[in-house]
Structure formats: structure tokens, C-alpha cells
Amino acid sequence: MQPMKQASISHRNDGIIKNPVTTVTPHRLGVFRPVKQMQGELEDILVENSWGKCKLPSCVLTQVHACIIESIFISSLKINVAQDGAVAILIVIPSVLRNMGKTTRNHTWFHSKIVELQNQVIEIETKTMKISSRVIRKVFEYKNFINEDGKVWAIVFESEFSRFLLSDQGIFYPPHLLKVIAALPGSAQAIVRFCWSHAGGVRGEMIQSILRGHLKYAWSNVRDENKCIKKILAVATEIQKTGITIDLAGRVWFERKYGVGYLKPENFAMNCRNTISGPGLIT
């Protein structure tokens, strides 16, 4: 059996993460719903737009789960790719929580969100890919690696979902920016991630057009819709820290600038070809 392959997360001198923190397709198809917590009974979610189709049976995924996945990549001690394509990432939980701006002792909360990522099935179909997979396969303590910040854990993504991540176009951004994003309302987070998934930027699209039109988020009534929009406008100054401007009319503007953008997926795959010695991460 061939040893697993390693991908290292490295940073440039300007603080921009070199490898992808997330990828474009989930944020174009609304995989992570524009809220921080689901309300009421879980429902099947179907999103279909010009980029493809996404089905989420009994959906639990929110922007909080998006933050967790991004923080796992940002906080990684080591990334391995197994023969079946499964990505395994070594992390310490306090670091993941710290990069999200959360208290570092909230391990029970972290594990509860990981369980949701283990149980959620995601079905995605685009012109170039089709998957039906859970997000995370398993999590276990990795005792062969010592870190002063606490226990080291291995997060193993499902192989089909991992291959999807590695084939999708990647997005990278300054690691410190995740705290800014995580503090925003869920609807504002979804807008930020939607904008960052567009290489050509966003030019004056209305908030409603992004949330209701592209991400298929339906409000119960007009009053709730207006309340959501006011909530987004109230944090426009914070949103601007992510490079996105929302004017008083609710139009969204985003122009791709230095330090924000895609990393070609083949670059990530190339980093994964380095061979490691010693015990592998996936058993």
C-alpha cells in the first residue's frame, strides 16, 4: 500500500492563505443556508440556478458550518490525502474556535456541529460534476502528534466530498478575516461568500436577488424580508471590511482586488503529491 499524500497549508508574507479556504460551488448553490440556526422542523432544500442544482435532505447546514469548515482549513496542522481521495486534516479545537472568534473551551458545541456535518447528505449537480455525499466521514483523536494547544484531532472528509473540493475552484482570503465574517448575521455571511465566489465581481445586484433569486431563500412574509434586509444594512460597515459594499438602496458591489481570489485547484493537487513517512492519518 502506498503512503498517503500530504498537502501543507502555507501562508505568504502578506498573510494571505496560499491554499483554498473554501470553494465556489457551495456558495453559489446555497449549500450553507443564509442563517446561523435553522428554525422549526428540518426541511428538504432544493436550489436550482444557472450554476447547477443542489438538494439537501432534512437540511441542517448553516453559515456556522461554513465557518467551521473554513476554520478547519485555516487552522490545519497538516493535510493528508488518502488513496481513495479522502482529505484528512489535523487540528486542535481551540485554534479552530479561536479563528472563528469563539471561546476556545466550547468543545462540546464544536463536536455537535461536526456530528451534523457527518449526518448531512449533500447532492450537487453542475455541468462538470455530480456528487451525493456526506461532508465528514469521521473524527478521532490523533495521539501521534503533540501540540501545546491541546489534543490533536483528525477530521476526515468523505472521499467523494473531498474529490469535489479538490476539483472545484478554490477561494482564499486573509485568515484573520474569518472572525469578521463569523460575527455577521447569517444572511450577510451568505452574501459575502456568494460575492467572493465570483471572479468577475458583483455589480449592483440587489440583496433580495442574491438571497431569494440565487440562493432560493424564502421569507415567510414581506415583513420578515424587510427585517432581514435592514439587519444586513445595519452591518454594512463591517461587511465593507470583506471588500464588499452595500449601498443604502440595498445594491451589492464587489470588485476583486489583490489578496482575494481563486487558487487554481491543480495547484492544491500538486501540493498533495508530496509523500510523507510514518503512520498515516486514515485507518
Protein backbone atom coordinates (compact mmCIF):
# COMPACT_ATOMS: atom_id res chain seq x y z
CA MET A 1 0.00 0.00 0.00
CA GLN A 2 1.34 3.39 -0.99
CA PRO A 3 1.75 6.00 1.75
CA MET A 4 -0.77 8.79 1.86
CA LYS A 5 -0.02 12.10 0.30
CA GLN A 6 0.47 15.32 2.16
CA ALA A 7 -0.70 18.85 1.46
CA SER A 8 0.67 21.61 3.63
CA ILE A 9 -1.23 24.79 4.38
CA SER A 10 1.24 27.63 3.99
CA HIS A 11 0.97 31.41 4.17
CA ARG A 12 2.52 34.13 2.05
CA ASN A 13 4.32 37.02 3.68
CA ASP A 14 1.27 39.24 3.15
CA GLY A 15 -0.86 36.99 5.35
CA ILE A 16 -2.97 35.56 2.52
CA ILE A 17 -3.58 31.85 2.88
CA LYS A 18 -1.94 30.04 -0.02
CA ASN A 19 -4.28 27.06 -0.28
CA PRO A 20 -8.07 27.31 -0.59
CA VAL A 21 -10.15 28.03 2.49
CA THR A 22 -13.36 27.15 0.64
CA THR A 23 -14.58 26.64 -2.92
CA VAL A 24 -17.01 28.46 -5.18
CA THR A 25 -19.80 25.98 -5.94
CA PRO A 26 -21.28 25.53 -2.42
CA HIS A 27 -21.71 29.29 -2.05
CA ARG A 28 -23.25 29.73 -5.49
CA LEU A 29 -25.74 26.92 -4.85
CA GLY A 30 -26.65 27.82 -1.26
CA VAL A 31 -25.37 24.62 0.35
CA PHE A 32 -24.95 26.57 3.59
CA ARG A 33 -28.25 28.33 4.23
CA PRO A 34 -28.15 32.12 4.92
CA VAL A 35 -28.91 31.76 8.63
CA LYS A 36 -26.95 30.88 11.77
CA GLN A 37 -29.54 28.44 13.08
CA MET A 38 -32.39 26.54 11.49
CA GLN A 39 -35.84 27.20 12.91
CA GLY A 40 -38.67 24.71 13.24
CA GLU A 41 -38.76 21.25 11.66
CA LEU A 42 -35.98 20.37 9.26
CA GLU A 43 -36.99 20.56 5.61
CA ASP A 44 -35.61 19.30 2.32
CA ILE A 45 -33.94 22.18 0.47
CA LEU A 46 -33.70 22.36 -3.31
CA VAL A 47 -31.71 25.10 -5.01
CA GLU A 48 -31.57 25.31 -8.78
CA ASN A 49 -29.95 28.22 -10.60
CA SER A 50 -27.67 28.97 -13.55
CA TRP A 51 -24.68 27.29 -11.82
CA GLY A 52 -26.37 23.96 -11.16
CA LYS A 53 -28.60 22.16 -8.73
CA CYS A 54 -28.29 21.29 -5.04
CA LYS A 55 -30.52 19.09 -2.90
CA LEU A 56 -30.18 18.97 0.90
CA PRO A 57 -32.44 16.37 2.57
CA SER A 58 -33.51 17.45 6.09
CA CYS A 59 -31.08 20.35 5.87
CA VAL A 60 -29.16 21.42 8.97
CA LEU A 61 -26.35 23.29 7.23
CA THR A 62 -25.97 26.99 8.02
CA GLN A 63 -23.30 29.65 7.72
CA VAL A 64 -21.93 28.40 11.04
CA HIS A 65 -20.97 25.12 9.37
CA ALA A 66 -19.32 27.08 6.57
CA CYS A 67 -17.26 28.95 9.19
CA ILE A 68 -16.23 25.70 10.85
CA ILE A 69 -15.01 24.13 7.60
CA GLU A 70 -13.10 27.27 6.65
CA SER A 71 -11.55 27.49 10.11
CA ILE A 72 -10.50 23.83 9.93
CA PHE A 73 -8.53 24.59 6.76
CA ILE A 74 -7.09 27.82 8.18
CA SER A 75 -6.12 26.13 11.47
CA SER A 76 -4.72 22.92 9.96
CA LEU A 77 -1.50 21.48 11.32
CA LYS A 78 -1.26 19.05 8.41
CA ILE A 79 -3.42 17.94 5.48
CA ASN A 80 -3.26 14.42 4.05
CA VAL A 81 -4.99 12.92 1.03
CA ALA A 82 -5.61 9.16 1.09
CA GLN A 83 -5.61 6.81 -1.88
CA ASP A 84 -9.41 6.92 -2.08
CA GLY A 85 -9.24 10.73 -2.25
CA ALA A 86 -10.39 11.41 1.32
CA VAL A 87 -8.89 14.58 2.80
CA ALA A 88 -7.79 14.31 6.44
CA ILE A 89 -6.84 17.41 8.40
CA LEU A 90 -5.07 17.57 11.75
CA ILE A 91 -6.35 20.33 14.03
CA VAL A 92 -6.52 21.41 17.65
CA ILE A 93 -10.02 22.52 18.58
CA PRO A 94 -9.03 25.71 20.47
CA SER A 95 -7.28 27.00 17.35
CA VAL A 96 -10.33 26.32 15.17
CA LEU A 97 -12.60 28.09 17.64
CA ARG A 98 -10.19 31.00 18.10
CA ASN A 99 -10.03 31.65 14.35
CA MET A 100 -13.84 31.89 14.36
CA GLY A 101 -13.80 34.38 17.22
CA LYS A 102 -15.34 31.88 19.67
CA THR A 103 -14.33 30.86 23.16
CA THR A 104 -11.67 28.17 22.98
CA ARG A 105 -13.34 25.97 25.61
CA ASN A 106 -16.54 25.31 23.69
CA HIS A 107 -15.54 21.80 22.59
CA THR A 108 -18.99 20.27 23.12
CA TRP A 109 -20.53 22.80 20.74
CA PHE A 110 -17.80 22.12 18.16
CA HIS A 111 -18.35 18.35 18.27
CA SER A 112 -22.13 18.81 17.93
CA LYS A 113 -21.60 20.75 14.69
CA ILE A 114 -19.17 18.12 13.41
CA VAL A 115 -21.84 15.45 14.02
CA GLU A 116 -24.26 17.47 11.89
CA LEU A 117 -21.65 17.59 9.11
CA GLN A 118 -21.29 13.81 9.44
CA ASN A 119 -25.03 13.24 9.08
CA GLN A 120 -25.90 15.74 6.34
CA VAL A 121 -26.16 14.43 2.78
CA ILE A 122 -25.35 16.90 0.01
CA GLU A 123 -26.41 16.31 -3.59
CA ILE A 124 -24.80 18.65 -6.11
CA GLU A 125 -25.05 18.59 -9.89
CA THR A 126 -23.31 21.05 -12.21
CA LYS A 127 -22.14 20.90 -15.82
CA THR A 128 -18.82 19.37 -14.74
CA MET A 129 -19.58 17.37 -11.56
CA LYS A 130 -22.20 15.35 -9.76
CA ILE A 131 -21.96 14.14 -6.16
CA SER A 132 -24.12 12.67 -3.44
CA SER A 133 -22.13 12.55 -0.24
CA ARG A 134 -21.95 13.35 3.42
CA VAL A 135 -19.41 16.02 4.34
CA ILE A 136 -17.34 14.40 7.09
CA ARG A 137 -16.61 10.68 7.45
CA LYS A 138 -15.16 10.56 10.95
CA VAL A 139 -13.30 12.43 13.67
CA PHE A 140 -10.80 10.89 16.07
CA GLU A 141 -8.05 11.90 18.45
CA TYR A 142 -4.63 11.60 16.77
CA LYS A 143 -2.19 10.70 19.53
CA ASN A 144 0.93 10.52 17.33
CA PHE A 145 1.02 14.30 17.04
CA ILE A 146 1.68 16.59 20.03
CA ASN A 147 0.63 20.22 20.19
CA GLU A 148 0.91 22.64 23.10
CA ASP A 149 -2.58 24.00 22.40
CA GLY A 150 -4.27 20.73 23.33
CA LYS A 151 -5.30 17.36 21.93
CA VAL A 152 -4.80 16.87 18.20
CA TRP A 153 -7.81 15.65 16.24
CA ALA A 154 -8.09 14.25 12.73
CA ILE A 155 -11.05 15.48 10.68
CA VAL A 156 -11.61 13.06 7.79
CA PHE A 157 -13.84 14.30 4.98
CA GLU A 158 -15.78 11.81 2.87
CA SER A 159 -13.80 10.78 -0.20
CA GLU A 160 -16.50 11.87 -2.68
CA PHE A 161 -16.87 15.26 -0.99
CA SER A 162 -13.06 15.58 -0.84
CA ARG A 163 -12.71 14.94 -4.57
CA PHE A 164 -15.38 17.56 -5.15
CA LEU A 165 -13.44 20.12 -3.07
CA LEU A 166 -10.20 19.37 -4.89
CA SER A 167 -11.79 19.65 -8.34
CA ASP A 168 -13.80 22.79 -7.59
CA GLN A 169 -12.33 26.28 -7.94
CA GLY A 170 -10.82 27.40 -4.66
CA ILE A 171 -11.19 30.68 -2.80
CA PHE A 172 -8.53 32.01 -0.47
CA TYR A 173 -8.55 35.05 1.78
CA PRO A 174 -6.66 36.52 4.75
CA PRO A 175 -7.09 34.14 7.72
CA HIS A 176 -7.97 36.96 10.16
CA LEU A 177 -10.98 37.87 8.03
CA LEU A 178 -12.92 34.78 9.12
CA LYS A 179 -13.56 36.42 12.52
CA VAL A 180 -15.12 39.39 10.73
CA ILE A 181 -17.31 37.12 8.60
CA ALA A 182 -18.32 34.86 11.51
CA ALA A 183 -19.57 37.86 13.53
CA LEU A 184 -22.00 38.92 10.77
CA PRO A 185 -25.65 37.81 10.60
CA GLY A 186 -26.11 34.60 8.64
CA SER A 187 -27.75 36.39 5.72
CA ALA A 188 -24.80 38.81 5.45
CA GLN A 189 -22.32 35.92 5.61
CA ALA A 190 -24.09 34.23 2.70
CA ILE A 191 -23.84 37.43 0.63
CA VAL A 192 -20.12 37.76 1.38
CA ARG A 193 -19.41 34.17 0.38
CA PHE A 194 -21.60 34.45 -2.73
CA CYS A 195 -19.69 37.55 -3.84
CA TRP A 196 -16.31 36.00 -3.17
CA SER A 197 -17.26 33.06 -5.39
CA HIS A 198 -17.32 35.38 -8.43
CA ALA A 199 -14.07 36.14 -10.22
CA GLY A 200 -15.70 38.96 -12.16
CA GLY A 201 -17.15 40.61 -9.07
CA VAL A 202 -20.73 41.70 -8.39
CA ARG A 203 -22.04 44.96 -9.80
CA GLY A 204 -25.12 46.41 -8.16
CA GLU A 205 -27.15 43.26 -7.62
CA MET A 206 -29.93 43.66 -5.05
CA ILE A 207 -29.77 41.84 -1.72
CA GLN A 208 -33.09 40.16 -2.48
CA SER A 209 -31.82 38.98 -5.85
CA ILE A 210 -28.90 37.18 -4.21
CA LEU A 211 -30.75 35.63 -1.28
CA ARG A 212 -34.13 34.89 -2.85
CA GLY A 213 -33.16 34.68 -6.52
CA HIS A 214 -29.86 32.79 -6.50
CA LEU A 215 -29.79 31.06 -3.09
CA LYS A 216 -33.57 30.36 -3.03
CA TYR A 217 -34.06 31.63 0.50
CA ALA A 218 -37.75 32.23 1.12
CA TRP A 219 -39.05 34.51 3.84
CA SER A 220 -42.40 33.78 5.47
CA ASN A 221 -43.71 37.24 4.63
CA VAL A 222 -42.71 40.70 3.41
CA ARG A 223 -42.20 41.91 6.97
CA ASP A 224 -39.55 39.24 7.63
CA GLU A 225 -37.87 40.04 4.32
CA ASN A 226 -37.65 43.75 5.15
CA LYS A 227 -36.36 42.93 8.65
CA CYS A 228 -33.60 40.76 7.16
CA ILE A 229 -32.55 43.47 4.71
CA LYS A 230 -32.45 46.11 7.47
CA LYS A 231 -30.28 43.77 9.52
CA ILE A 232 -27.82 43.48 6.63
CA LEU A 233 -27.76 47.24 6.02
CA ALA A 234 -27.09 47.81 9.73
CA VAL A 235 -23.77 45.93 9.44
CA ALA A 236 -22.75 47.41 6.07
CA THR A 237 -19.64 48.95 7.62
CA GLU A 238 -18.47 45.56 8.90
CA ILE A 239 -19.30 43.93 5.56
CA GLN A 240 -17.11 46.52 3.85
CA LYS A 241 -14.10 45.05 5.68
CA THR A 242 -14.53 41.98 3.45
CA GLY A 243 -14.21 44.10 0.30
CA ILE A 244 -17.96 44.25 -0.35
CA THR A 245 -20.01 47.46 -0.42
CA ILE A 246 -23.77 47.57 0.10
CA ASP A 247 -25.34 50.94 -0.63
CA LEU A 248 -28.43 52.41 1.05
CA ALA A 249 -30.67 51.09 -1.72
CA GLY A 250 -29.54 47.53 -0.94
CA ARG A 251 -27.36 47.10 -4.02
CA VAL A 252 -24.28 44.90 -3.60
CA TRP A 253 -20.94 45.85 -5.13
CA PHE A 254 -17.80 43.75 -5.18
CA GLU A 255 -14.66 44.12 -7.26
CA ARG A 256 -11.95 41.52 -6.93
CA LYS A 257 -8.80 43.04 -5.50
CA TYR A 258 -5.28 41.92 -4.65
CA GLY A 259 -5.21 39.25 -2.00
CA VAL A 260 -8.69 37.93 -2.69
CA GLY A 261 -9.40 35.36 -5.33
CA TYR A 262 -9.11 31.89 -6.75
CA LEU A 263 -6.32 29.41 -6.33
CA LYS A 264 -6.25 27.01 -9.26
CA PRO A 265 -7.28 23.57 -7.99
CA GLU A 266 -4.35 21.91 -9.78
CA ASN A 267 -2.01 23.90 -7.53
CA PHE A 268 -3.63 22.36 -4.48
CA ALA A 269 -3.48 18.90 -6.04
CA MET A 270 0.19 19.42 -6.86
CA ASN A 271 0.89 20.18 -3.20
CA CYS A 272 -0.78 16.89 -2.33
CA ARG A 273 1.78 14.83 -4.26
CA ASN A 274 4.48 15.08 -1.59
CA THR A 275 5.00 11.74 0.13
CA ILE A 276 5.02 11.55 3.91
CA SER A 277 6.76 8.97 6.07
CA GLY A 278 5.46 7.41 9.24
CA PRO A 279 1.89 6.39 10.15
CA GLY A 280 -0.95 7.66 8.01
CA LEU A 281 -3.95 9.56 9.29
CA ILE A 282 -6.74 7.38 7.91
CA THR A 283 -7.30 3.91 9.32
